[in-house]
Protein backbone atom coordinates (compact mmCIF):
# COMPACT_ATOMS: atom_id res chain seq x y z
CA MET A 1 13.98 -49.12 150.27
CA SER A 2 16.64 -48.48 148.03
CA LEU A 3 15.03 -44.68 146.96
CA GLY A 4 14.92 -43.99 151.06
CA GLY A 5 18.77 -43.61 151.34
CA SER A 6 19.41 -41.28 148.77
CA LEU A 7 16.32 -39.09 150.53
CA GLY A 8 17.88 -39.41 153.79
CA PHE A 9 21.42 -38.43 152.47
CA VAL A 10 19.97 -35.23 151.40
CA GLY A 11 17.48 -34.86 154.41
CA SER A 12 20.63 -35.36 156.97
CA ILE A 13 22.40 -32.69 154.81
CA MET A 14 19.75 -30.31 155.31
CA ILE A 15 19.73 -31.12 158.78
CA ILE A 16 23.58 -30.86 159.17
CA LEU A 17 24.00 -27.65 157.47
CA ASP A 18 20.87 -26.21 159.50
CA LEU A 19 19.09 -25.50 156.32
CA PRO A 20 14.85 -25.06 156.28
CA PHE A 21 13.01 -27.61 155.14
CA ALA A 22 11.83 -27.84 151.77
CA TRP A 23 10.67 -30.33 150.04
CA GLU A 24 12.09 -29.35 146.23
CA PRO A 25 15.32 -30.85 147.16
CA ILE A 26 13.74 -33.94 148.44
CA ILE A 27 10.49 -34.46 145.59
CA ILE A 28 13.54 -33.83 143.26
CA THR A 29 16.38 -36.34 144.42
CA TYR A 30 13.10 -38.91 144.34
CA LEU A 31 12.66 -38.34 140.80
CA ILE A 32 15.73 -38.78 139.96
CA SER A 33 16.24 -41.91 141.85
CA GLN A 34 12.95 -43.32 140.83
CA ILE A 35 14.12 -42.72 136.93
CA ILE A 36 17.85 -44.72 137.67
CA TYR A 37 15.97 -47.53 139.18
CA SER A 38 13.04 -47.73 137.01
CA TYR A 39 15.19 -48.03 134.13
CA ASP A 40 18.09 -50.67 135.50
CA HIS A 41 15.12 -52.82 136.27
CA PHE A 42 13.79 -52.65 132.89
CA SER A 43 17.36 -52.86 131.22
CA GLY A 44 17.82 -56.22 133.02
CA ILE A 45 15.10 -58.01 132.36
CA LYS A 46 16.64 -60.78 130.43
CA GLU A 47 18.90 -61.00 133.45
CA ASP A 48 16.35 -61.21 135.76
CA ILE A 49 14.61 -63.90 133.95
CA SER A 50 16.93 -66.22 135.37
CA THR A 51 17.68 -64.92 138.75
CA ASN A 52 14.31 -63.39 139.33
CA PRO A 53 11.72 -64.83 136.80
CA GLU A 54 8.46 -63.58 138.81
CA ARG A 55 10.06 -59.66 138.62
CA ALA A 56 11.14 -60.71 134.96
CA ASN A 57 7.61 -61.56 134.29
CA TYR A 58 5.79 -59.02 135.53
CA LEU A 59 8.30 -56.69 134.42
CA ASN A 60 7.46 -57.79 130.59
CA LYS A 61 3.76 -57.63 131.16
CA LYS A 62 4.29 -53.81 132.13
CA GLN A 63 6.95 -53.32 129.10
CA THR A 64 4.30 -51.55 126.78
CA PHE A 65 4.13 -49.19 129.56
CA PHE A 66 7.53 -48.49 130.78
CA PRO A 67 8.26 -44.85 128.12
CA PHE A 68 5.34 -43.60 129.59
CA VAL A 69 6.17 -43.95 132.83
CA LEU A 70 9.71 -42.92 132.18
CA ILE A 71 8.58 -40.09 130.12
CA PHE A 72 5.96 -38.81 132.91
CA TYR A 73 8.89 -39.03 135.34
CA PHE A 74 11.33 -36.99 133.30
CA VAL A 75 8.75 -34.18 132.24
CA PHE A 76 7.52 -34.22 135.64
CA LEU A 77 11.33 -33.89 137.25
CA PHE A 78 12.10 -31.12 134.33
CA LEU A 79 8.53 -29.26 135.44
CA ILE A 80 9.34 -29.09 139.05
CA THR A 81 13.15 -28.22 138.68
CA ILE A 82 12.29 -25.21 136.67
CA PHE A 83 9.76 -24.25 138.68
CA PHE A 84 11.73 -24.24 142.32
CA THR A 85 14.85 -22.95 140.60
CA ASN A 86 12.84 -19.52 138.84
CA LYS A 87 10.52 -19.13 141.68
CA GLU A 88 11.67 -15.64 141.85
CA LEU A 89 11.19 -14.86 138.09
CA LEU A 90 7.98 -16.72 138.05
CA PHE A 91 6.17 -14.43 140.59
CA PHE A 92 7.68 -11.02 139.31
């Protein structure tokens, strides 16, 4: 739900400015939001123990995989950004 706000904002801007629909800005926006959202969840595990123990326990179990997931998000964001911003150069 929280990621939908940023995607809706990008979609609304595309409609208001009468831009053609493109997946690139939506995917890039989603990945940026997901990186921030994931990092916030994992950085706040200690505070969540008192307020939301179920989520804190779940995230503690997944903590070993978190660096790999975050690296995957960053690499995918980097690759997709490079690919879509230099599309003309890649196919020259």
